């Protein structure tokens, strides 16, 4: 089997991946249909930002509790419950739209309810990957999960654009509701005896605070979290920014908007497949990819035509997925199994929880100054936040991170005490893998 797909040798992961690809296609179809529905109802970029913010608000408010649930209960059961909840919300929104009764407040409320399901689903799903494949194949499985998600992004938006034109937004949203059955079926067919299930965390007071303390004592992980926060809050608003660019700048319709999402997914899928081939993941890859992503987001906002904008989008997708897969694998391989649910919940809270702040702000920027500025400002804030994170947390750790162009472009991590003598340490980066934990070293 090709090294890129080695995690597929695990039966439970094959089942999970087959159900996930069906559900992911439906999810992307609903995202496009929901955004188009909001624009049809309100003709407002600000309203679009509010809906996106409401959908991600529960991740900010409930993320730590969702992580506690993931550590306290069997993750397979948690995932089954969240799939049923999200399917119900999708079917209700689709039914209201088909009946012609839908109003903006319906979309706002159901986006919030959908976000609650997502908030509890995300940490359990992230932590469940290592239970299916074990530590040795975790980085590969994370990359393949991202590849599945972005293969769906390649198909889902384009399919949604066509179906919206043919049958309307309501039926497209309802289709997503039915796709969750594929994930539920895959979970039920798994062999429980083959799962690498850790001991369930014992119930105790202050478990959420323990997770936060654990992270705060690891400045190298905090550096990654802050970087992901800025990228997730201000940069990863593709569904909103592409909608604004397609409608306001290039005067295009639903079909062309859907195609932009598929073009973006070409780069994202490439980034995910490259991530699946990596055996080791380094912290400097997260930082370098975040900086490249911020720059490419700004460049995309300056593109003069629909065609040139579309040509830049694969690079935006490549850099963003490289950052996210590297950050995800680094976090999971660097934490204790009994803390995995809580830490990954905090990670997902940081990644998605900033969206209620960033999406309305970026939507307002696009509405006030023009859609191009939503990309330029979002990319610039990502770059600034990444640099600030590196400067602060590397000093806490006693490290200095600086770029090198020769013999190849890279970031070097050096102890500050060695900078005076210009003694460079290039291999390996002295971060991220606690000596007491077994498994692959993550630098």
Protein backbone atom coordinates (compact mmCIF):
# COMPACT_ATOMS: atom_id res chain seq x y z
CA UNK A 1 0.00 0.00 0.00
CA UNK A 2 1.24 3.50 -0.82
CA UNK A 3 2.68 5.38 2.21
CA UNK A 4 0.13 8.11 1.53
CA UNK A 5 -2.78 5.75 2.30
CA UNK A 6 -1.25 3.42 4.89
CA UNK A 7 -3.91 4.17 7.56
CA UNK A 8 -6.51 2.53 5.30
CA UNK A 9 -5.10 -0.87 6.23
CA UNK A 10 -7.06 -0.45 9.49
CA UNK A 11 -10.61 -1.76 8.97
CA UNK A 12 -12.28 0.59 11.44
CA UNK A 13 -10.65 3.60 9.82
CA UNK A 14 -11.75 2.45 6.35
CA UNK A 15 -15.32 2.26 7.60
CA UNK A 16 -15.10 5.67 9.23
CA UNK A 17 -13.56 7.27 6.14
CA UNK A 18 -16.22 5.83 3.82
CA UNK A 19 -19.02 7.27 5.93
CA UNK A 20 -17.21 10.58 6.43
CA UNK A 21 -16.74 11.28 2.72
CA UNK A 22 -20.50 10.97 2.13
CA UNK A 23 -21.31 13.21 5.08
CA UNK A 24 -18.60 15.73 4.16
CA UNK A 25 -20.03 16.17 0.66
CA UNK A 26 -23.41 16.89 2.23
CA UNK A 27 -21.87 19.31 4.73
CA UNK A 28 -20.25 21.37 1.98
CA UNK A 29 -23.48 21.36 0.01
CA UNK A 30 -25.32 22.76 3.02
CA UNK A 31 -22.67 25.41 3.66
CA UNK A 32 -23.05 26.77 0.15
CA UNK A 33 -26.84 26.48 0.21
CA UNK A 34 -27.12 28.14 3.63
CA UNK A 35 -24.90 31.05 2.60
CA UNK A 36 -26.86 31.48 -0.61
CA UNK A 37 -30.13 31.36 1.34
CA UNK A 38 -28.92 34.14 3.66
CA UNK A 39 -27.91 36.32 0.70
CA UNK A 40 -31.28 35.70 -0.94
CA UNK A 41 -33.13 36.66 2.25
CA UNK A 42 -31.04 39.65 3.36
CA UNK A 43 -28.64 40.73 0.55
CA UNK A 44 -26.22 41.57 3.36
CA UNK A 45 -22.61 40.57 3.95
CA UNK A 46 -23.03 41.49 7.61
CA UNK A 47 -25.95 39.04 7.96
CA UNK A 48 -23.83 36.35 6.36
CA UNK A 49 -21.10 37.04 8.90
CA UNK A 50 -23.62 36.87 11.75
CA UNK A 51 -24.91 33.47 10.63
CA UNK A 52 -21.37 32.13 10.37
CA UNK A 53 -20.56 33.58 13.78
CA UNK A 54 -23.63 32.03 15.40
CA UNK A 55 -22.77 28.64 13.94
CA UNK A 56 -19.33 28.76 15.56
CA UNK A 57 -20.31 30.53 18.80
CA UNK A 58 -21.04 27.26 20.70
CA UNK A 59 -17.48 26.11 20.02
CA UNK A 60 -16.29 29.13 21.99
CA UNK A 61 -18.78 28.74 24.84
CA UNK A 62 -19.09 24.97 25.11
CA UNK A 63 -15.74 23.70 23.83
CA UNK A 64 -14.19 22.90 27.24
CA UNK A 65 -17.32 21.04 28.38
CA UNK A 66 -17.43 19.15 25.07
CA UNK A 67 -13.85 18.04 25.68
CA UNK A 68 -14.79 16.82 29.14
CA UNK A 69 -17.62 14.77 27.62
CA UNK A 70 -15.15 13.29 25.10
CA UNK A 71 -12.84 12.21 27.95
CA UNK A 72 -15.62 10.94 30.21
CA UNK A 73 -17.75 8.91 27.74
CA UNK A 74 -17.06 6.47 24.86
CA UNK A 75 -16.32 8.61 21.83
CA UNK A 76 -18.18 6.34 19.42
CA UNK A 77 -21.42 6.88 21.36
CA UNK A 78 -20.83 10.63 21.57
CA UNK A 79 -20.32 10.80 17.81
CA UNK A 80 -23.53 8.85 17.13
CA UNK A 81 -25.52 11.34 19.21
CA UNK A 82 -23.98 14.39 17.54
CA UNK A 83 -24.67 13.02 14.04
CA UNK A 84 -28.35 12.55 14.91
CA UNK A 85 -28.57 16.07 16.33
CA UNK A 86 -26.96 17.75 13.30
CA UNK A 87 -29.10 15.72 10.88
CA UNK A 88 -32.24 16.89 12.65
CA UNK A 89 -31.24 20.56 12.38
CA UNK A 90 -30.44 20.21 8.66
CA UNK A 91 -33.79 18.54 7.94
CA UNK A 92 -35.71 21.25 9.83
CA UNK A 93 -33.94 24.10 7.99
CA UNK A 94 -34.42 22.36 4.66
CA UNK A 95 -38.09 21.73 5.39
CA UNK A 96 -38.71 25.39 6.32
CA UNK A 97 -37.01 26.52 3.12
CA UNK A 98 -38.92 24.11 0.89
CA UNK A 99 -42.23 25.18 2.46
CA UNK A 100 -41.45 28.86 1.89
CA UNK A 101 -41.78 29.67 5.60
CA UNK A 102 -38.10 30.33 6.26
CA UNK A 103 -37.13 33.73 7.67
CA UNK A 104 -33.71 35.12 8.63
CA UNK A 105 -34.33 34.43 12.33
CA UNK A 106 -34.93 30.76 11.53
CA UNK A 107 -31.51 30.56 9.89
CA UNK A 108 -29.89 32.34 12.83
CA UNK A 109 -31.47 30.00 15.41
CA UNK A 110 -30.81 26.79 13.50
CA UNK A 111 -27.23 27.84 12.76
CA UNK A 112 -26.76 28.21 16.53
CA UNK A 113 -28.29 24.78 17.21
CA UNK A 114 -26.17 23.22 14.48
CA UNK A 115 -23.15 24.81 16.11
CA UNK A 116 -24.00 23.16 19.44
CA UNK A 117 -23.92 19.76 17.75
CA UNK A 118 -20.64 20.62 16.05
CA UNK A 119 -19.11 21.82 19.34
CA UNK A 120 -19.63 18.40 20.94
CA UNK A 121 -18.79 16.49 17.76
CA UNK A 122 -15.42 18.10 17.01
CA UNK A 123 -13.30 17.11 20.07
CA UNK A 124 -14.71 13.57 20.14
CA UNK A 125 -14.06 13.16 16.40
CA UNK A 126 -10.51 14.53 16.63
CA UNK A 127 -9.63 12.34 19.61
CA UNK A 128 -11.32 9.26 18.09
CA UNK A 129 -8.85 9.12 15.17
CA UNK A 130 -5.98 7.90 17.33
CA UNK A 131 -8.26 5.27 18.87
CA UNK A 132 -8.92 3.85 15.41
CA UNK A 133 -5.35 3.78 14.08
CA UNK A 134 -2.96 4.12 17.05
CA UNK A 135 -0.12 6.61 17.50
CA UNK A 136 2.11 5.28 14.71
CA UNK A 137 -0.42 6.04 11.98
CA UNK A 138 -1.97 9.15 13.54
CA UNK A 139 -0.24 11.75 11.36
CA UNK A 140 -1.20 9.80 8.24
CA UNK A 141 -4.81 9.41 9.39
CA UNK A 142 -5.10 13.14 10.15
CA UNK A 143 -3.86 13.91 6.64
CA UNK A 144 -6.28 11.42 5.09
CA UNK A 145 -9.17 12.87 7.10
CA UNK A 146 -8.30 16.30 5.75
CA UNK A 147 -8.02 14.83 2.26
CA UNK A 148 -11.51 13.37 2.61
CA UNK A 149 -12.88 16.67 3.86
CA UNK A 150 -11.33 18.56 0.98
CA UNK A 151 -12.22 16.00 -1.66
CA UNK A 152 -15.76 16.66 -0.48
CA UNK A 153 -15.07 20.38 -0.74
CA UNK A 154 -13.99 19.79 -4.33
CA UNK A 155 -17.29 18.12 -5.18
CA UNK A 156 -19.79 19.56 -2.69
CA UNK A 157 -19.81 23.29 -3.56
CA UNK A 158 -19.94 22.70 -7.31
CA UNK A 159 -22.71 20.13 -6.88
CA UNK A 160 -24.56 22.49 -4.55
CA UNK A 161 -24.32 25.33 -7.09
CA UNK A 162 -25.85 23.15 -9.79
CA UNK A 163 -28.56 21.73 -7.54
CA UNK A 164 -29.51 25.16 -6.19
CA UNK A 165 -30.06 26.23 -9.79
CA UNK A 166 -32.08 23.09 -10.62
CA UNK A 167 -34.10 22.31 -7.46
CA UNK A 168 -33.53 25.22 -5.03
CA UNK A 169 -31.73 25.71 -1.70
CA UNK A 170 -34.18 23.82 0.52
CA UNK A 171 -33.78 20.37 -1.07
CA UNK A 172 -29.98 20.79 -1.07
CA UNK A 173 -29.99 21.40 2.69
CA UNK A 174 -32.29 18.41 3.24
CA UNK A 175 -29.91 16.16 1.29
CA UNK A 176 -27.24 16.94 3.86
CA UNK A 177 -29.58 15.82 6.64
CA UNK A 178 -29.79 12.35 5.12
CA UNK A 179 -26.02 11.99 4.58
CA UNK A 180 -25.37 11.74 8.33
CA UNK A 181 -26.81 8.21 8.17
CA UNK A 182 -23.59 7.10 6.45
CA UNK A 183 -21.47 8.09 9.47
CA UNK A 184 -23.88 6.51 11.95
CA UNK A 185 -23.80 3.24 9.99
CA UNK A 186 -20.00 3.21 9.82
CA UNK A 187 -19.77 3.74 13.59
CA UNK A 188 -22.18 0.87 14.26
CA UNK A 189 -20.23 -1.53 12.01
CA UNK A 190 -16.87 -0.97 13.75
CA UNK A 191 -15.15 -3.74 15.72
CA UNK A 192 -14.92 -2.32 19.22
CA UNK A 193 -12.26 -4.87 20.19
CA UNK A 194 -9.87 -3.37 17.61
CA UNK A 195 -10.11 0.20 18.95
CA UNK A 196 -7.16 1.61 20.93
CA UNK A 197 -9.47 2.93 23.63
CA UNK A 198 -7.68 4.63 26.53
CA UNK A 199 -8.87 4.46 30.09
CA UNK A 200 -11.81 6.81 30.57
CA UNK A 201 -10.85 9.79 32.71
CA UNK A 202 -12.22 9.48 36.24
CA UNK A 203 -14.74 12.06 37.29
CA UNK A 204 -13.12 14.72 39.44
CA UNK A 205 -13.48 18.38 40.32
CA UNK A 206 -11.57 20.90 38.25
CA UNK A 207 -11.06 18.64 35.22
CA UNK A 208 -11.53 21.52 32.78
CA UNK A 209 -9.08 23.68 34.74
CA UNK A 210 -6.60 20.79 34.65
CA UNK A 211 -6.73 20.80 30.86
CA UNK A 212 -6.15 24.55 30.71
CA UNK A 213 -3.25 24.34 33.20
CA UNK A 214 -1.72 21.50 31.20
CA UNK A 215 -1.66 23.67 28.08
CA UNK A 216 -0.41 26.82 29.82
CA UNK A 217 2.60 24.89 31.13
CA UNK A 218 3.48 23.94 27.55
CA UNK A 219 4.48 27.22 25.82
CA UNK A 220 5.38 25.38 22.62
CA UNK A 221 1.77 24.17 22.36
CA UNK A 222 0.43 27.58 23.33
CA UNK A 223 2.41 29.08 20.45
CA UNK A 224 0.57 26.78 18.04
CA UNK A 225 -2.81 27.52 19.65
CA UNK A 226 -2.41 31.29 19.35
CA UNK A 227 -1.26 30.96 15.73
CA UNK A 228 -4.30 28.81 14.92
CA UNK A 229 -6.56 31.30 16.72
CA UNK A 230 -5.52 34.20 14.49
CA UNK A 231 -5.77 32.11 11.33
CA UNK A 232 -9.15 30.67 12.31
CA UNK A 233 -10.61 33.95 13.50
CA UNK A 234 -9.55 36.26 10.69
CA UNK A 235 -8.28 34.14 7.80
CA UNK A 236 -10.35 30.97 7.50
CA UNK A 237 -13.58 32.64 6.40
CA UNK A 238 -13.55 31.23 2.86
CA UNK A 239 -17.27 30.56 2.54
CA UNK A 240 -18.07 34.17 3.41
CA UNK A 241 -15.23 35.92 1.55
CA UNK A 242 -15.72 33.86 -1.61
CA UNK A 243 -19.45 34.59 -1.54
CA UNK A 244 -18.74 38.33 -1.27
CA UNK A 245 -16.07 38.24 -3.99
CA UNK A 246 -18.29 36.24 -6.36
CA UNK A 247 -21.40 38.39 -5.95
CA UNK A 248 -20.09 41.90 -5.26
CA UNK A 249 -16.74 42.08 -7.05
CA UNK A 250 -17.17 39.75 -10.02
CA UNK A 251 -20.99 39.88 -10.34
CA UNK A 252 -21.36 36.09 -10.57
CA UNK A 253 -24.15 33.70 -9.62
CA UNK A 254 -24.54 30.56 -7.51
CA UNK A 255 -22.85 28.28 -10.02
CA UNK A 256 -19.68 30.37 -10.24
CA UNK A 257 -19.63 30.77 -6.45
CA UNK A 258 -19.81 27.00 -6.02
CA UNK A 259 -16.97 26.52 -8.51
CA UNK A 260 -14.73 28.79 -6.41
CA UNK A 261 -15.19 26.48 -3.45
CA UNK A 262 -14.19 23.50 -5.57
CA UNK A 263 -11.12 25.29 -6.93
CA UNK A 264 -10.05 26.18 -3.38
CA UNK A 265 -10.40 22.51 -2.50
CA UNK A 266 -7.87 21.52 -5.18
CA UNK A 267 -5.13 23.19 -3.16
CA UNK A 268 -6.56 21.99 0.14
CA UNK A 269 -6.68 18.39 -1.09
CA UNK A 270 -3.09 18.65 -2.31
CA UNK A 271 -2.00 19.97 1.09
CA UNK A 272 -3.83 17.16 2.88
CA UNK A 273 -2.26 14.43 0.71
CA UNK A 274 1.20 15.92 1.22
CA UNK A 275 0.53 15.94 4.96
CA UNK A 276 -0.44 12.26 4.84
CA UNK A 277 3.01 11.39 3.46
CA UNK A 278 4.90 13.05 6.31
CA UNK A 279 6.32 10.78 8.97
CA UNK A 280 7.37 13.60 11.33
CA UNK A 281 5.65 16.91 11.92
CA UNK A 282 7.53 20.00 13.08
CA UNK A 283 6.30 23.09 14.88
CA UNK A 284 8.13 25.28 12.39
CA UNK A 285 5.93 23.83 9.63
CA UNK A 286 2.86 25.20 11.43
CA UNK A 287 4.43 28.66 11.72
CA UNK A 288 5.76 28.78 8.16
CA UNK A 289 2.48 27.60 6.67
CA UNK A 290 0.49 30.15 8.73
CA UNK A 291 2.66 33.00 7.44
CA UNK A 292 2.38 31.74 3.85
CA UNK A 293 -1.39 31.40 4.22
CA UNK A 294 -1.77 34.98 5.45
CA UNK A 295 0.29 36.29 2.53
CA UNK A 296 -1.66 34.26 -0.05
CA UNK A 297 -4.98 35.47 1.40
CA UNK A 298 -3.85 39.06 0.89
CA UNK A 299 -2.67 38.30 -2.64
CA UNK A 300 -6.04 36.73 -3.52
CA UNK A 301 -7.81 39.91 -2.43
CA UNK A 302 -5.76 41.92 -4.94
CA UNK A 303 -6.62 39.77 -7.96
CA UNK A 304 -8.32 41.87 -10.67
CA UNK A 305 -10.56 39.26 -12.35
CA UNK A 306 -12.60 36.18 -11.52
CA UNK A 307 -10.09 34.02 -13.42
CA UNK A 308 -6.99 35.33 -11.64
CA UNK A 309 -8.76 35.07 -8.28
CA UNK A 310 -9.62 31.45 -9.06
CA UNK A 311 -6.02 30.70 -10.04
CA UNK A 312 -4.69 31.92 -6.67
CA UNK A 313 -7.22 30.01 -4.57
CA UNK A 314 -5.42 26.61 -4.78
CA UNK A 315 -2.36 28.19 -3.14
CA UNK A 316 -4.58 29.58 -0.39
CA UNK A 317 -6.03 26.12 0.15
CA UNK A 318 -2.61 24.42 0.10
CA UNK A 319 -1.07 26.69 2.74
CA UNK A 320 -4.13 26.67 5.02
CA UNK A 321 -4.42 22.85 5.03
CA UNK A 322 -0.69 22.42 5.58
CA UNK A 323 -1.00 24.63 8.66
CA UNK A 324 -4.09 22.87 10.02
CA UNK A 325 -2.96 19.27 9.52
CA UNK A 326 0.47 20.01 11.01
CA UNK A 327 -1.11 21.75 14.01
CA UNK A 328 -3.62 18.94 14.59
CA UNK A 329 -1.03 16.14 14.44
CA UNK A 330 1.43 18.08 16.59
CA UNK A 331 -1.14 18.66 19.32
CA UNK A 332 -2.38 15.05 19.42
CA UNK A 333 1.10 13.50 19.46
CA UNK A 334 2.29 15.81 22.21
CA UNK A 335 -0.36 15.26 24.88
CA UNK A 336 -1.22 12.52 27.36
CA UNK A 337 -4.05 10.14 26.29
CA UNK A 338 -6.22 10.95 29.32
CA UNK A 339 -6.03 14.66 28.47
CA UNK A 340 -6.63 14.26 24.73
CA UNK A 341 -10.35 15.07 24.69
CA UNK A 342 -9.98 18.22 26.80
CA UNK A 343 -6.90 19.48 24.99
CA UNK A 344 -8.38 18.84 21.54
CA UNK A 345 -11.57 20.57 22.67
CA UNK A 346 -9.53 23.62 23.62
CA UNK A 347 -7.76 23.37 20.25
CA UNK A 348 -11.10 23.25 18.40
CA UNK A 349 -12.42 26.07 20.61
CA UNK A 350 -9.48 28.21 19.59
CA UNK A 351 -9.78 27.21 15.91
CA UNK A 352 -13.53 27.69 15.58
CA UNK A 353 -14.44 29.73 18.63
CA UNK A 354 -12.88 32.91 17.33
CA UNK A 355 -15.19 32.84 14.31
CA UNK A 356 -18.06 34.59 16.17
CA UNK A 357 -15.64 37.48 16.63
CA UNK A 358 -13.86 37.34 13.30
CA UNK A 359 -16.70 36.57 10.88
CA UNK A 360 -18.93 39.57 11.74
CA UNK A 361 -15.84 41.81 11.78
CA UNK A 362 -14.55 40.58 8.43
CA UNK A 363 -18.11 40.69 7.04
CA UNK A 364 -18.43 44.31 8.20
CA UNK A 365 -15.08 45.16 6.60
CA UNK A 366 -16.28 43.65 3.33
CA UNK A 367 -19.61 45.47 3.52
CA UNK A 368 -18.05 48.85 4.42
CA UNK A 369 -14.80 48.96 2.46
CA UNK A 370 -15.40 46.34 -0.23
CA UNK A 371 -15.12 42.57 -0.47
CA UNK A 372 -11.41 42.69 -1.36
CA UNK A 373 -10.58 44.21 2.02
CA UNK A 374 -12.13 41.25 3.84
CA UNK A 375 -9.32 39.09 2.41
CA UNK A 376 -6.56 41.66 2.78
CA UNK A 377 -7.39 42.48 6.40
CA UNK A 378 -7.93 38.82 7.32
CA UNK A 379 -4.59 37.78 5.82
CA UNK A 380 -2.72 40.67 7.44
CA UNK A 381 -4.12 39.90 10.90
CA UNK A 382 -3.12 36.25 10.45
CA UNK A 383 0.48 37.24 9.69
CA UNK A 384 0.65 39.73 12.56
CA UNK A 385 -0.85 37.27 15.05
CA UNK A 386 1.51 34.47 14.01
CA UNK A 387 4.59 36.68 14.39
CA UNK A 388 3.40 37.92 17.80
CA UNK A 389 2.77 34.34 18.96
CA UNK A 390 6.25 33.20 17.91
CA UNK A 391 7.96 36.17 19.57
CA UNK A 392 6.13 35.84 22.90
CA UNK A 393 6.11 32.09 23.43
CA UNK A 394 9.58 31.43 22.05
CA UNK A 395 10.90 33.88 24.65
CA UNK A 396 8.96 32.06 27.38
CA UNK A 397 10.67 28.88 26.27
CA UNK A 398 14.05 30.55 25.89
CA UNK A 399 14.08 30.04 22.13
CA UNK A 400 14.50 32.23 19.10
CA UNK A 401 12.94 31.41 15.73
CA UNK A 402 14.34 33.01 12.60
CA UNK A 403 14.14 32.41 8.83
CA UNK A 404 16.91 30.91 6.71
CA UNK A 405 16.91 31.08 2.91
CA UNK A 406 19.91 28.82 2.18
CA UNK A 407 20.43 26.00 1.39
CA UNK A 408 16.60 25.89 1.39
CA UNK A 409 13.93 28.21 2.83
CA UNK A 410 13.11 27.18 6.41
CA UNK A 411 12.64 28.36 9.98
CA UNK A 412 15.37 27.60 12.51
CA UNK A 413 14.75 27.21 16.24
CA UNK A 414 17.74 28.25 18.38
CA UNK A 415 18.31 28.61 22.13
CA UNK A 416 18.78 32.31 22.84
CA UNK A 417 22.01 31.57 24.70
CA UNK A 418 23.54 30.29 21.46
CA UNK A 419 22.58 33.28 19.32
CA UNK A 420 25.58 35.29 20.49
CA UNK A 421 27.90 32.65 19.10
CA UNK A 422 25.72 32.17 15.99
CA UNK A 423 25.68 28.43 16.56
CA UNK A 424 22.66 27.18 14.63
CA UNK A 425 20.63 24.14 15.53
CA UNK A 426 18.72 22.92 12.54
CA UNK A 427 17.90 19.29 13.34
CA UNK A 428 15.79 18.50 15.23
CA UNK A 429 13.75 21.43 16.56
CA UNK A 430 14.00 21.18 20.38
CA UNK A 431 10.29 21.48 20.98
CA UNK A 432 7.10 19.60 21.51
CA UNK A 433 7.83 16.00 22.44
CA UNK A 434 7.82 15.38 26.20
CA UNK A 435 10.44 12.78 27.01
CA UNK A 436 8.13 10.74 29.24
CA UNK A 437 5.69 9.96 26.42
CA UNK A 438 6.31 7.11 23.99
CA UNK A 439 5.75 7.27 20.26
CA UNK A 440 7.07 9.30 17.31
CA UNK A 441 9.00 12.44 18.14
CA UNK A 442 7.23 15.59 17.06
CA UNK A 443 9.51 18.58 16.66
